Amino acid sequence: MSKITTVAIAGASGNVGPHVIKQLVEDGFKVTVLARKGTNHTFPSSVAVAEIDYESPETLVKALQGQDAVVSAVGFAGLPQQIPLIHAAAKAGVKRFIPSEYGGVTENAKSAALPAFRPKREALDALKQETASGLTYTLIATGPFLDMGVDYGFLVNLKGKSITLWNGGDRPFSATTMASTAKAISGVLQHPEETKNRGVFVHSVHKSLKELFEIAKKVTGPEGWKAEVKNTEDALKEGYAKLEKGEMDRMAFIASSIWGEGYGCDFQKVDNELLGVKQLSDAELESFLRERAK
């Protein structure tokens, strides 16, 4: 596959998008942000901006002409918009599409079956369909975002001194910072042949919740902590019960995908070396948590 130099980013104003822009620009890619018509977001002067309308395939194809790759950094709400974007990328002659996979492992059957991840599964189906037209793809699995998970208290609540030990907290899981996720994206685009039409796996840390808890106590002091044990099977039952009432309890399904047995978030083999992603040492993880605790 020829070298990738031009990259369009969808979801550039979200949580991950700014990290992706920064990394790709630093690594010498020519970046174009796909912005919704009428958006009031501002972007760095180092990137071009193409106005799009997801309801208008013509605007998508026009915006993607001349682009070697598309990177999707959309959040859960924007996942369905990937379908028209994938088909437009194929029509425009784009070489590589990186969907907003990241946290989940859509190639894992149990994870893919969870209702919260249905749009990711549909995006993968669309990508596989479009390989016949010459479009290739890479799925990047990262586990939960480490920084977001800490800041929101989902992995560990440093300031509130609380943690949920899912299934007892003994199962190791993979997690990755948003900056390292952006590094992995850049690495995929720099190694298109090695990452063609497959999933890649990266992580910044590979720890159990109990191990994370011990480091957190070193950071904030052991006094005043509250640890609650919850079961992912119970969370799943509650999630499906709410779904029957028309409510989507996304976090119940996400927790199961991370800490439930057989959902694939305990990465045994990773592509860190190929993609230039560094795994944090215990000392570096402690320093990372210390900064987030301020």
Protein backbone atom coordinates (compact mmCIF):
# COMPACT_ATOMS: atom_id res chain seq x y z
CA MET A 1 0.00 0.00 0.00
CA SER A 2 1.30 3.48 -0.88
CA LYS A 3 2.19 5.99 1.81
CA ILE A 4 -0.61 7.76 3.66
CA THR A 5 -0.12 11.53 3.85
CA THR A 6 -3.58 13.16 3.88
CA VAL A 7 -6.00 12.41 6.72
CA ALA A 8 -9.55 13.57 7.43
CA ILE A 9 -10.83 13.49 11.02
CA ALA A 10 -14.46 13.14 12.07
CA GLY A 11 -15.34 14.06 15.65
CA ALA A 12 -12.34 16.35 15.97
CA SER A 13 -13.93 18.51 18.67
CA GLY A 14 -14.71 15.63 21.05
CA ASN A 15 -12.61 14.12 23.84
CA VAL A 16 -10.15 12.22 21.66
CA GLY A 17 -10.19 14.45 18.57
CA PRO A 18 -7.84 17.21 19.81
CA HIS A 19 -5.24 14.59 20.79
CA VAL A 20 -5.49 13.06 17.32
CA ILE A 21 -5.08 16.42 15.58
CA LYS A 22 -2.03 17.26 17.69
CA GLN A 23 -0.34 13.89 17.10
CA LEU A 24 -0.99 13.71 13.36
CA VAL A 25 0.19 17.27 12.76
CA GLU A 26 3.33 16.61 14.80
CA ASP A 27 3.99 13.49 12.74
CA GLY A 28 3.76 15.40 9.45
CA PHE A 29 0.34 14.41 8.14
CA LYS A 30 -1.77 16.90 6.21
CA VAL A 31 -4.93 17.03 8.32
CA THR A 32 -8.46 18.05 7.36
CA VAL A 33 -11.19 18.35 9.99
CA LEU A 34 -14.67 17.30 8.92
CA ALA A 35 -16.96 19.86 10.54
CA ARG A 36 -20.72 19.89 10.54
CA LYS A 37 -22.30 22.71 8.58
CA GLY A 38 -22.77 25.70 10.86
CA THR A 39 -20.46 24.44 13.62
CA ASN A 40 -18.98 27.09 15.90
CA HIS A 41 -15.94 25.05 16.96
CA THR A 42 -12.53 26.49 16.21
CA PHE A 43 -9.58 24.37 15.17
CA PRO A 44 -5.81 24.93 14.97
CA SER A 45 -4.54 26.93 12.01
CA SER A 46 -2.37 23.94 11.08
CA VAL A 47 -5.42 22.00 9.80
CA ALA A 48 -7.88 22.52 6.97
CA VAL A 49 -11.61 22.44 7.63
CA ALA A 50 -14.18 20.85 5.30
CA GLU A 51 -17.85 21.53 5.96
CA ILE A 52 -20.07 18.45 5.74
CA ASP A 53 -23.65 17.32 6.19
CA TYR A 54 -24.10 13.69 7.24
CA GLU A 55 -27.54 13.74 5.60
CA SER A 56 -25.95 14.67 2.27
CA PRO A 57 -23.69 11.94 0.83
CA GLU A 58 -22.52 14.34 -1.87
CA THR A 59 -20.92 16.68 0.68
CA LEU A 60 -19.18 13.73 2.33
CA VAL A 61 -17.75 12.39 -0.93
CA LYS A 62 -16.60 15.88 -1.94
CA ALA A 63 -14.89 16.46 1.42
CA LEU A 64 -13.10 13.10 1.25
CA GLN A 65 -11.77 13.39 -2.29
CA GLY A 66 -7.98 13.47 -2.17
CA GLN A 67 -7.86 12.02 1.35
CA ASP A 68 -5.75 8.91 1.92
CA ALA A 69 -7.35 8.06 5.26
CA VAL A 70 -10.32 8.85 7.48
CA VAL A 71 -10.06 8.72 11.27
CA SER A 72 -13.28 8.67 13.24
CA ALA A 73 -13.08 10.05 16.77
CA VAL A 74 -16.82 10.43 17.30
CA GLY A 75 -18.40 9.60 20.66
CA PHE A 76 -21.26 7.16 21.25
CA ALA A 77 -23.89 9.63 20.03
CA GLY A 78 -22.08 10.02 16.70
CA LEU A 79 -21.44 6.33 15.99
CA PRO A 80 -24.37 5.87 13.57
CA GLN A 81 -22.96 8.67 11.40
CA GLN A 82 -19.99 6.47 10.59
CA ILE A 83 -22.08 4.41 8.15
CA PRO A 84 -22.61 7.17 5.54
CA LEU A 85 -19.03 8.29 6.12
CA ILE A 86 -17.69 4.79 5.37
CA HIS A 87 -19.66 4.52 2.13
CA ALA A 88 -18.58 8.03 1.11
CA ALA A 89 -14.94 7.16 1.83
CA ALA A 90 -15.20 4.16 -0.48
CA LYS A 91 -16.73 6.28 -3.25
CA ALA A 92 -14.05 8.95 -2.83
CA GLY A 93 -11.21 6.44 -3.16
CA VAL A 94 -9.98 6.67 0.45
CA LYS A 95 -7.40 3.98 1.27
CA ARG A 96 -7.86 3.48 5.01
CA PHE A 97 -10.69 4.02 7.48
CA ILE A 98 -10.13 3.90 11.25
CA PRO A 99 -13.52 3.74 12.98
CA SER A 100 -14.24 4.93 16.50
CA GLU A 101 -13.57 1.52 18.01
CA TYR A 102 -11.08 2.25 20.81
CA GLY A 103 -12.60 1.14 24.14
CA GLY A 104 -14.49 -1.93 22.98
CA VAL A 105 -13.37 -5.04 21.14
CA THR A 106 -15.95 -5.43 18.39
CA GLU A 107 -14.22 -8.50 17.00
CA ASN A 108 -14.96 -10.23 20.32
CA ALA A 109 -18.35 -11.97 19.93
CA LYS A 110 -19.52 -11.35 23.51
CA SER A 111 -18.56 -7.68 23.40
CA ALA A 112 -20.08 -7.19 19.95
CA ALA A 113 -23.39 -8.63 21.16
CA LEU A 114 -23.83 -5.93 23.82
CA PRO A 115 -26.55 -3.42 22.83
CA ALA A 116 -24.34 -0.39 23.57
CA PHE A 117 -21.86 -1.57 20.94
CA ARG A 118 -24.35 -2.32 18.18
CA PRO A 119 -23.38 0.81 16.15
CA LYS A 120 -19.73 -0.30 16.28
CA ARG A 121 -20.68 -3.72 14.99
CA GLU A 122 -22.68 -2.13 12.17
CA ALA A 123 -19.70 0.06 11.25
CA LEU A 124 -17.46 -3.00 11.07
CA ASP A 125 -19.99 -4.76 8.83
CA ALA A 126 -20.02 -1.71 6.51
CA LEU A 127 -16.22 -1.63 6.42
CA LYS A 128 -15.99 -5.31 5.53
CA GLN A 129 -18.57 -4.74 2.79
CA GLU A 130 -16.56 -1.87 1.30
CA THR A 131 -13.26 -3.80 1.17
CA ALA A 132 -14.50 -5.00 -2.23
CA SER A 133 -14.21 -1.41 -3.45
CA GLY A 134 -10.60 -1.09 -2.24
CA LEU A 135 -11.22 0.59 1.12
CA THR A 136 -9.21 -0.93 3.96
CA TYR A 137 -9.71 -0.55 7.70
CA THR A 138 -8.02 -0.92 11.08
CA LEU A 139 -9.79 -1.42 14.39
CA ILE A 140 -7.84 0.00 17.34
CA ALA A 141 -8.69 -1.58 20.71
CA THR A 142 -7.48 0.40 23.71
CA GLY A 143 -9.67 -0.62 26.62
CA PRO A 144 -11.18 2.29 28.57
CA PHE A 145 -9.45 5.66 28.32
CA LEU A 146 -7.26 5.83 31.41
CA ASP A 147 -7.36 9.60 31.88
CA MET A 148 -11.10 9.91 31.26
CA GLY A 149 -11.82 6.90 33.46
CA VAL A 150 -9.90 8.44 36.34
CA ASP A 151 -11.19 11.98 35.86
CA TYR A 152 -14.81 10.78 35.75
CA GLY A 153 -14.30 8.35 38.64
CA PHE A 154 -15.27 5.33 36.53
CA LEU A 155 -11.99 3.48 37.10
CA VAL A 156 -11.12 5.10 40.41
CA ASN A 157 -12.34 8.27 42.10
CA LEU A 158 -9.19 9.87 43.49
CA LYS A 159 -10.78 13.02 44.90
CA GLY A 160 -13.80 11.24 46.34
CA LYS A 161 -11.64 8.31 47.52
CA SER A 162 -13.92 5.60 46.20
CA ILE A 163 -13.64 2.66 43.84
CA THR A 164 -15.95 -0.04 42.50
CA LEU A 165 -14.27 -3.44 42.51
CA TRP A 166 -16.12 -5.16 39.70
CA ASN A 167 -16.32 -8.93 40.25
CA GLY A 168 -13.98 -8.50 43.21
CA GLY A 169 -11.41 -6.44 41.30
CA ASP A 170 -8.97 -9.28 40.54
CA ARG A 171 -9.30 -9.48 36.75
CA PRO A 172 -6.56 -7.58 34.86
CA PHE A 173 -7.75 -5.18 32.17
CA SER A 174 -6.13 -2.97 29.58
CA ALA A 175 -6.51 0.81 29.56
CA THR A 176 -4.94 3.53 27.42
CA THR A 177 -4.55 7.29 27.68
CA MET A 178 -6.15 9.42 24.99
CA ALA A 179 -2.71 10.73 23.98
CA SER A 180 -1.44 7.17 23.51
CA THR A 181 -4.59 6.33 21.54
CA ALA A 182 -3.70 9.19 19.19
CA LYS A 183 -0.16 7.79 19.01
CA ALA A 184 -1.60 4.41 18.01
CA ILE A 185 -3.71 6.04 15.29
CA SER A 186 -0.64 7.74 13.87
CA GLY A 187 1.27 4.46 14.11
CA VAL A 188 -1.40 2.65 12.10
CA LEU A 189 -1.24 5.29 9.38
CA GLN A 190 2.55 4.97 9.28
CA HIS A 191 2.28 1.16 8.99
CA PRO A 192 -0.67 0.67 6.61
CA GLU A 193 0.35 -2.74 5.28
CA GLU A 194 1.04 -4.30 8.68
CA THR A 195 -2.31 -3.08 10.03
CA LYS A 196 -4.51 -3.71 7.00
CA ASN A 197 -8.02 -5.08 7.61
CA ARG A 198 -7.38 -6.23 11.16
CA GLY A 199 -7.67 -5.25 14.78
CA VAL A 200 -4.68 -3.92 16.68
CA PHE A 201 -4.35 -3.80 20.45
CA VAL A 202 -2.55 -1.26 22.62
CA HIS A 203 -2.51 -0.32 26.28
CA SER A 204 -0.83 2.16 28.59
CA VAL A 205 -1.50 -0.05 31.60
CA HIS A 206 -2.50 -3.64 32.24
CA LYS A 207 -3.67 -3.86 35.84
CA SER A 208 -6.47 -5.19 38.00
CA LEU A 209 -8.74 -2.81 39.88
CA LYS A 210 -7.19 -4.02 43.14
CA GLU A 211 -3.71 -3.12 41.84
CA LEU A 212 -5.00 0.28 40.71
CA PHE A 213 -6.58 0.73 44.15
CA GLU A 214 -3.28 0.08 45.93
CA ILE A 215 -1.46 2.67 43.80
CA ALA A 216 -4.30 5.17 44.33
CA LYS A 217 -3.98 4.76 48.10
CA LYS A 218 -0.27 5.50 47.84
CA VAL A 219 -1.11 8.69 45.98
CA THR A 220 -3.85 10.05 48.23
CA GLY A 221 -3.20 8.27 51.52
CA PRO A 222 -4.99 5.12 52.74
CA GLU A 223 -7.46 6.85 55.05
CA GLY A 224 -11.10 7.46 54.14
CA TRP A 225 -11.37 5.17 51.12
CA LYS A 226 -14.58 3.34 50.27
CA ALA A 227 -14.47 0.21 48.11
CA GLU A 228 -17.71 -1.32 46.84
CA VAL A 229 -17.88 -4.75 45.21
CA LYS A 230 -20.31 -5.12 42.30
CA ASN A 231 -21.05 -7.94 39.88
CA THR A 232 -21.10 -7.41 36.11
CA GLU A 233 -23.79 -10.07 35.67
CA ASP A 234 -26.08 -8.07 37.96
CA ALA A 235 -25.23 -4.91 36.00
CA LEU A 236 -26.11 -6.69 32.74
CA LYS A 237 -29.48 -7.81 34.09
CA GLU A 238 -30.25 -4.26 35.18
CA GLY A 239 -29.06 -2.91 31.84
CA TYR A 240 -31.31 -5.23 29.85
CA ALA A 241 -34.26 -4.54 32.18
CA LYS A 242 -33.88 -0.81 31.55
CA LEU A 243 -33.52 -1.44 27.83
CA GLU A 244 -36.93 -3.12 27.80
CA LYS A 245 -38.31 0.14 29.20
CA GLY A 246 -36.58 2.14 26.49
CA GLU A 247 -33.62 3.28 28.60
CA MET A 248 -30.00 2.69 27.58
CA ASP A 249 -27.78 2.21 30.65
CA ARG A 250 -24.59 2.36 28.61
CA MET A 251 -22.25 2.16 31.61
CA ALA A 252 -23.72 -1.20 32.69
CA PHE A 253 -22.74 -2.68 29.33
CA ILE A 254 -19.37 -0.94 29.27
CA ALA A 255 -18.48 -2.25 32.74
CA SER A 256 -19.34 -5.77 31.59
CA SER A 257 -17.21 -5.39 28.47
CA ILE A 258 -14.20 -4.38 30.58
CA TRP A 259 -14.45 -6.63 33.63
CA GLY A 260 -16.78 -9.44 32.59
CA GLU A 261 -15.31 -12.81 31.76
CA GLY A 262 -14.60 -13.44 28.09
CA TYR A 263 -15.25 -9.94 26.74
CA GLY A 264 -11.67 -9.45 25.57
CA CYS A 265 -10.47 -6.40 27.52
CA ASP A 266 -7.58 -8.30 29.11
CA PHE A 267 -5.15 -7.88 26.21
CA GLN A 268 -2.60 -10.69 26.23
CA LYS A 269 -0.83 -9.60 23.05
CA VAL A 270 -0.42 -5.97 22.08
CA ASP A 271 0.93 -3.96 19.14
CA ASN A 272 2.56 -1.28 21.30
CA GLU A 273 6.00 -1.74 19.78
CA LEU A 274 4.79 -1.58 16.17
CA LEU A 275 2.68 1.52 16.82
CA GLY A 276 5.08 3.37 19.12
CA VAL A 277 2.89 3.23 22.24
CA LYS A 278 4.62 3.17 25.62
CA GLN A 279 3.36 1.07 28.53
CA LEU A 280 3.58 2.91 31.84
CA SER A 281 5.71 1.51 34.64
CA ASP A 282 4.25 1.40 38.15
CA ALA A 283 6.21 4.54 39.03
CA GLU A 284 4.92 6.32 35.93
CA LEU A 285 1.34 5.24 36.68
CA GLU A 286 1.70 6.55 40.22
CA SER A 287 2.96 9.87 38.87
CA PHE A 288 0.10 9.95 36.38
CA LEU A 289 -2.47 9.42 39.14
CA ARG A 290 -0.77 11.97 41.35
CA GLU A 291 -1.25 14.62 38.65
CA ARG A 292 -4.92 13.69 38.23
CA ALA A 293 -5.49 13.89 41.99
CA LYS A 294 -4.51 17.56 42.18
